[in-house]
Amino acid sequence: METQELLKVISLLLDYPQEETYRLARLLEEELSPSTQYYPYLKDFLTYYRENSLSQLQHNYVSTFDFSTTNNLYLTYHRFGDKRERGELLANLKGLYYEKGFDIATNELPDYLPLMLEFASQVDPCEGLRLLGEYKREIEKIYRSLEGNNSPYKNLLKIVLLVLEENLSKETLKGGV
């Protein structure tokens, strides 16, 4: 699976569980190749998806992300809280999406991690990964919190962090992060 495909898959799995995603997860599990370094993390998460009903997945998702400031998926919140600087950064992100022709087909804020992953999956790979790299500390913070709670979602964030580590070390992505 190519990096951009992987980011798209993670963006879907990290979003609120829907019927379509539930079916996609089952298909992915059948097609998963053990030859990738991401395999154990994706397999663990897909097993979690398979072993739970859609309503249980939705309940767990809300419990994990919607009622927690440490686990929420709004990356600028982890950096600025509700300070004024956050609003400026949100406006800049929205402007970047517009400039790159990325249509935000959701009511989510532009710093919502699944939305940022979707953006990264659709633009120039270097550009998308650079943007995610700017929020690596925030992603790590959420990962550590999820890991501490033994949440299955930790696996998806681990994959994002591995992708960033692998690609941000490449010469093509250095500078401008």
C-alpha atoms as a PDB file:
ATOM      1  CA  MET A   1       0.000   0.000   0.000  1.00  0.00           C
ATOM      2  CA  GLU A   2       1.427   3.364  -1.041  1.00  0.00           C
ATOM      3  CA  THR A   3       1.890   6.081   1.599  1.00  0.00           C
ATOM      4  CA  GLN A   4      -0.929   8.252   0.284  1.00  0.00           C
ATOM      5  CA  GLU A   5      -3.305   5.270   0.136  1.00  0.00           C
ATOM      6  CA  LEU A   6      -2.346   4.387   3.689  1.00  0.00           C
ATOM      7  CA  LEU A   7      -3.006   7.939   4.891  1.00  0.00           C
ATOM      8  CA  LYS A   8      -6.435   7.867   3.237  1.00  0.00           C
ATOM      9  CA  VAL A   9      -7.277   4.560   4.929  1.00  0.00           C
ATOM     10  CA  ILE A  10      -6.114   5.883   8.314  1.00  0.00           C
ATOM     11  CA  SER A  11      -8.170   9.063   7.808  1.00  0.00           C
ATOM     12  CA  LEU A  12     -11.296   6.945   7.275  1.00  0.00           C
ATOM     13  CA  LEU A  13     -10.618   4.602  10.199  1.00  0.00           C
ATOM     14  CA  LEU A  14      -9.780   7.478  12.546  1.00  0.00           C
ATOM     15  CA  ASP A  15     -13.039   9.255  11.789  1.00  0.00           C
ATOM     16  CA  TYR A  16     -16.380   8.549  13.473  1.00  0.00           C
ATOM     17  CA  PRO A  17     -17.375   4.968  12.524  1.00  0.00           C
ATOM     18  CA  GLN A  18     -19.991   4.780   9.767  1.00  0.00           C
ATOM     19  CA  GLU A  19     -21.539   1.810   7.975  1.00  0.00           C
ATOM     20  CA  GLU A  20     -19.346   2.409   4.916  1.00  0.00           C
ATOM     21  CA  THR A  21     -16.161   2.455   7.019  1.00  0.00           C
ATOM     22  CA  TYR A  22     -17.289  -0.652   8.858  1.00  0.00           C
ATOM     23  CA  ARG A  23     -17.570  -2.522   5.529  1.00  0.00           C
ATOM     24  CA  LEU A  24     -14.260  -1.084   4.309  1.00  0.00           C
ATOM     25  CA  ALA A  25     -12.476  -2.316   7.436  1.00  0.00           C
ATOM     26  CA  ARG A  26     -13.659  -5.859   6.785  1.00  0.00           C
ATOM     27  CA  LEU A  27     -12.418  -5.713   3.181  1.00  0.00           C
ATOM     28  CA  LEU A  28      -9.080  -4.281   4.258  1.00  0.00           C
ATOM     29  CA  GLU A  29      -8.540  -7.069   6.729  1.00  0.00           C
ATOM     30  CA  GLU A  30      -8.921  -9.633   3.947  1.00  0.00           C
ATOM     31  CA  GLU A  31      -6.448  -7.817   1.670  1.00  0.00           C
ATOM     32  CA  LEU A  32      -3.858  -6.851   4.274  1.00  0.00           C
ATOM     33  CA  SER A  33      -0.308  -7.818   3.381  1.00  0.00           C
ATOM     34  CA  PRO A  34       2.000  -8.868   6.227  1.00  0.00           C
ATOM     35  CA  SER A  35       5.010  -7.575   4.292  1.00  0.00           C
ATOM     36  CA  THR A  36       4.668  -3.999   5.563  1.00  0.00           C
ATOM     37  CA  GLN A  37       5.997  -2.564   8.818  1.00  0.00           C
ATOM     38  CA  TYR A  38       2.516  -1.182   9.475  1.00  0.00           C
ATOM     39  CA  TYR A  39       0.891  -4.621   9.318  1.00  0.00           C
ATOM     40  CA  PRO A  40       0.792  -5.464  13.060  1.00  0.00           C
ATOM     41  CA  TYR A  41      -0.753  -2.110  13.958  1.00  0.00           C
ATOM     42  CA  LEU A  42      -3.327  -2.151  11.183  1.00  0.00           C
ATOM     43  CA  LYS A  43      -4.168  -5.796  11.840  1.00  0.00           C
ATOM     44  CA  ASP A  44      -4.731  -5.131  15.556  1.00  0.00           C
ATOM     45  CA  PHE A  45      -7.010  -2.212  14.797  1.00  0.00           C
ATOM     46  CA  LEU A  46      -8.964  -4.094  12.128  1.00  0.00           C
ATOM     47  CA  THR A  47      -9.418  -7.007  14.533  1.00  0.00           C
ATOM     48  CA  TYR A  48     -10.907  -4.553  17.033  1.00  0.00           C
ATOM     49  CA  TYR A  49     -13.253  -3.291  14.312  1.00  0.00           C
ATOM     50  CA  ARG A  50     -14.308  -6.817  13.357  1.00  0.00           C
ATOM     51  CA  GLU A  51     -14.942  -7.879  16.940  1.00  0.00           C
ATOM     52  CA  ASN A  52     -17.315  -5.004  17.733  1.00  0.00           C
ATOM     53  CA  SER A  53     -20.690  -3.969  16.387  1.00  0.00           C
ATOM     54  CA  LEU A  54     -21.005  -0.639  14.629  1.00  0.00           C
ATOM     55  CA  SER A  55     -22.961   0.825  17.558  1.00  0.00           C
ATOM     56  CA  GLN A  56     -20.264  -0.340  20.004  1.00  0.00           C
ATOM     57  CA  LEU A  57     -17.552   1.179  17.802  1.00  0.00           C
ATOM     58  CA  GLN A  58     -19.469   4.455  17.722  1.00  0.00           C
ATOM     59  CA  HIS A  59     -19.920   4.440  21.487  1.00  0.00           C
ATOM     60  CA  ASN A  60     -16.215   3.709  22.024  1.00  0.00           C
ATOM     61  CA  TYR A  61     -15.233   6.433  19.561  1.00  0.00           C
ATOM     62  CA  VAL A  62     -17.306   9.071  21.352  1.00  0.00           C
ATOM     63  CA  SER A  63     -15.968   7.935  24.737  1.00  0.00           C
ATOM     64  CA  THR A  64     -12.402   8.036  23.481  1.00  0.00           C
ATOM     65  CA  PHE A  65     -12.331  11.292  21.530  1.00  0.00           C
ATOM     66  CA  ASP A  66     -15.359  13.478  22.165  1.00  0.00           C
ATOM     67  CA  PHE A  67     -15.214  13.723  25.947  1.00  0.00           C
ATOM     68  CA  SER A  68     -11.471  14.073  26.378  1.00  0.00           C
ATOM     69  CA  THR A  69      -9.221  17.076  25.970  1.00  0.00           C
ATOM     70  CA  THR A  70      -6.148  14.823  25.946  1.00  0.00           C
ATOM     71  CA  ASN A  71      -7.453  12.558  23.178  1.00  0.00           C
ATOM     72  CA  ASN A  72      -9.348  14.987  20.970  1.00  0.00           C
ATOM     73  CA  LEU A  73      -8.262  14.966  17.342  1.00  0.00           C
ATOM     74  CA  TYR A  74      -8.057  18.750  16.867  1.00  0.00           C
ATOM     75  CA  LEU A  75      -4.322  19.255  16.606  1.00  0.00           C
ATOM     76  CA  THR A  76      -4.166  23.017  17.111  1.00  0.00           C
ATOM     77  CA  TYR A  77      -6.105  22.593  20.363  1.00  0.00           C
ATOM     78  CA  HIS A  78      -3.202  20.567  21.745  1.00  0.00           C
ATOM     79  CA  ARG A  79      -0.832  23.384  20.843  1.00  0.00           C
ATOM     80  CA  PHE A  80      -2.847  26.467  21.799  1.00  0.00           C
ATOM     81  CA  GLY A  81      -5.955  25.405  23.690  1.00  0.00           C
ATOM     82  CA  ASP A  82      -8.599  28.038  23.037  1.00  0.00           C
ATOM     83  CA  LYS A  83      -6.121  30.920  22.658  1.00  0.00           C
ATOM     84  CA  ARG A  84      -6.372  33.452  19.852  1.00  0.00           C
ATOM     85  CA  GLU A  85      -3.381  31.957  18.014  1.00  0.00           C
ATOM     86  CA  ARG A  86      -5.428  28.840  17.392  1.00  0.00           C
ATOM     87  CA  GLY A  87      -7.997  30.807  15.371  1.00  0.00           C
ATOM     88  CA  GLU A  88      -5.262  32.267  13.191  1.00  0.00           C
ATOM     89  CA  LEU A  89      -3.776  28.841  12.555  1.00  0.00           C
ATOM     90  CA  LEU A  90      -7.205  27.398  11.706  1.00  0.00           C
ATOM     91  CA  ALA A  91      -7.729  30.198   9.186  1.00  0.00           C
ATOM     92  CA  ASN A  92      -4.292  29.497   7.677  1.00  0.00           C
ATOM     93  CA  LEU A  93      -5.084  25.787   7.345  1.00  0.00           C
ATOM     94  CA  LYS A  94      -8.396  26.544   5.693  1.00  0.00           C
ATOM     95  CA  GLY A  95      -6.602  28.891   3.292  1.00  0.00           C
ATOM     96  CA  LEU A  96      -4.031  26.212   2.471  1.00  0.00           C
ATOM     97  CA  TYR A  97      -6.770  23.696   1.715  1.00  0.00           C
ATOM     98  CA  TYR A  98      -8.505  26.200  -0.549  1.00  0.00           C
ATOM     99  CA  GLU A  99      -5.239  27.099  -2.303  1.00  0.00           C
ATOM    100  CA  LYS A 100      -4.547  23.427  -3.053  1.00  0.00           C
ATOM    101  CA  GLY A 101      -8.092  22.802  -4.312  1.00  0.00           C
ATOM    102  CA  PHE A 102      -8.972  20.540  -1.396  1.00  0.00           C
ATOM    103  CA  ASP A 103     -12.698  20.632  -0.763  1.00  0.00           C
ATOM    104  CA  ILE A 104     -13.617  20.359   2.899  1.00  0.00           C
ATOM    105  CA  ALA A 105     -16.765  18.272   2.631  1.00  0.00           C
ATOM    106  CA  THR A 106     -17.367  18.213   6.382  1.00  0.00           C
ATOM    107  CA  ASN A 107     -18.318  20.519   9.216  1.00  0.00           C
ATOM    108  CA  GLU A 108     -15.114  19.666  11.060  1.00  0.00           C
ATOM    109  CA  LEU A 109     -12.450  22.257  11.785  1.00  0.00           C
ATOM    110  CA  PRO A 110      -9.449  22.152   9.430  1.00  0.00           C
ATOM    111  CA  ASP A 111      -7.134  20.855  12.177  1.00  0.00           C
ATOM    112  CA  TYR A 112      -9.168  17.655  12.652  1.00  0.00           C
ATOM    113  CA  LEU A 113      -6.585  14.898  12.211  1.00  0.00           C
ATOM    114  CA  PRO A 114      -8.670  12.666   9.900  1.00  0.00           C
ATOM    115  CA  LEU A 115      -9.251  15.704   7.662  1.00  0.00           C
ATOM    116  CA  MET A 116      -5.544  16.563   7.670  1.00  0.00           C
ATOM    117  CA  LEU A 117      -4.709  12.956   6.776  1.00  0.00           C
ATOM    118  CA  GLU A 118      -7.195  13.055   3.917  1.00  0.00           C
ATOM    119  CA  PHE A 119      -5.608  16.299   2.687  1.00  0.00           C
ATOM    120  CA  ALA A 120      -2.140  14.713   2.883  1.00  0.00           C
ATOM    121  CA  SER A 121      -3.430  11.754   0.869  1.00  0.00           C
ATOM    122  CA  GLN A 122      -4.596  14.006  -1.979  1.00  0.00           C
ATOM    123  CA  VAL A 123      -1.866  16.601  -2.434  1.00  0.00           C
ATOM    124  CA  ASP A 124       1.800  16.346  -3.337  1.00  0.00           C
ATOM    125  CA  PRO A 125       3.200  13.738  -0.916  1.00  0.00           C
ATOM    126  CA  CYS A 126       6.024  15.980   0.293  1.00  0.00           C
ATOM    127  CA  GLU A 127       3.627  18.826   1.000  1.00  0.00           C
ATOM    128  CA  GLY A 128       1.094  16.666   2.819  1.00  0.00           C
ATOM    129  CA  LEU A 129       3.692  14.964   4.969  1.00  0.00           C
ATOM    130  CA  ARG A 130       5.369  18.278   5.735  1.00  0.00           C
ATOM    131  CA  LEU A 131       2.075  19.633   7.046  1.00  0.00           C
ATOM    132  CA  LEU A 132       1.539  16.557   9.227  1.00  0.00           C
ATOM    133  CA  GLY A 133       5.154  16.820  10.376  1.00  0.00           C
ATOM    134  CA  GLU A 134       4.439  20.285  11.732  1.00  0.00           C
ATOM    135  CA  TYR A 135       2.023  18.600  14.154  1.00  0.00           C
ATOM    136  CA  LYS A 136       4.122  15.563  15.018  1.00  0.00           C
ATOM    137  CA  ARG A 137       4.425  16.565  18.694  1.00  0.00           C
ATOM    138  CA  GLU A 138       0.658  16.898  18.988  1.00  0.00           C
ATOM    139  CA  ILE A 139       0.128  13.531  17.301  1.00  0.00           C
ATOM    140  CA  GLU A 140       2.674  11.983  19.676  1.00  0.00           C
ATOM    141  CA  LYS A 141       0.852  13.507  22.645  1.00  0.00           C
ATOM    142  CA  ILE A 142      -2.461  11.975  21.558  1.00  0.00           C
ATOM    143  CA  TYR A 143      -0.716   8.664  20.852  1.00  0.00           C
ATOM    144  CA  ARG A 144       0.799   8.542  24.356  1.00  0.00           C
ATOM    145  CA  SER A 145      -2.592   9.248  25.903  1.00  0.00           C
ATOM    146  CA  LEU A 146      -4.275   6.534  23.829  1.00  0.00           C
ATOM    147  CA  GLU A 147      -1.452   4.129  24.617  1.00  0.00           C
ATOM    148  CA  GLY A 148      -1.840   4.861  28.335  1.00  0.00           C
ATOM    149  CA  ASN A 149      -5.544   3.990  28.048  1.00  0.00           C
ATOM    150  CA  ASN A 150      -4.745   0.937  25.900  1.00  0.00           C
ATOM    151  CA  SER A 151      -7.083   2.269  23.226  1.00  0.00           C
ATOM    152  CA  PRO A 152      -7.076   0.394  19.907  1.00  0.00           C
ATOM    153  CA  TYR A 153      -6.865   3.799  18.201  1.00  0.00           C
ATOM    154  CA  LYS A 154      -3.262   4.028  19.380  1.00  0.00           C
ATOM    155  CA  ASN A 155      -2.425   1.681  16.485  1.00  0.00           C
ATOM    156  CA  LEU A 156      -3.618   4.187  13.891  1.00  0.00           C
ATOM    157  CA  LEU A 157      -1.616   7.025  15.410  1.00  0.00           C
ATOM    158  CA  LYS A 158       1.414   4.759  15.638  1.00  0.00           C
ATOM    159  CA  ILE A 159       1.152   4.189  11.883  1.00  0.00           C
ATOM    160  CA  VAL A 160       0.975   7.948  11.258  1.00  0.00           C
ATOM    161  CA  LEU A 161       4.056   8.469  13.438  1.00  0.00           C
ATOM    162  CA  LEU A 162       5.948   5.691  11.622  1.00  0.00           C
ATOM    163  CA  VAL A 163       5.046   7.220   8.246  1.00  0.00           C
ATOM    164  CA  LEU A 164       6.288  10.605   9.450  1.00  0.00           C
ATOM    165  CA  GLU A 165       9.519   9.187  10.885  1.00  0.00           C
ATOM    166  CA  GLU A 166      10.217   7.291   7.696  1.00  0.00           C
ATOM    167  CA  ASN A 167       9.423  10.133   5.316  1.00  0.00           C
ATOM    168  CA  LEU A 168      10.542  13.202   7.225  1.00  0.00           C
ATOM    169  CA  SER A 169      14.037  11.780   7.380  1.00  0.00           C
ATOM    170  CA  LYS A 170      14.188  11.649   3.580  1.00  0.00           C
ATOM    171  CA  GLU A 171      16.071  14.506   1.954  1.00  0.00           C
ATOM    172  CA  THR A 172      13.049  15.519  -0.171  1.00  0.00           C
ATOM    173  CA  LEU A 173      11.063  16.494   2.901  1.00  0.00           C
ATOM    174  CA  LYS A 174      13.761  18.345   4.824  1.00  0.00           C
ATOM    175  CA  GLY A 175      13.381  22.069   5.180  1.00  0.00           C
ATOM    176  CA  GLY A 176      10.133  23.936   5.460  1.00  0.00           C
ATOM    177  CA  VAL A 177       8.651  21.711   8.149  1.00  0.00           C
END
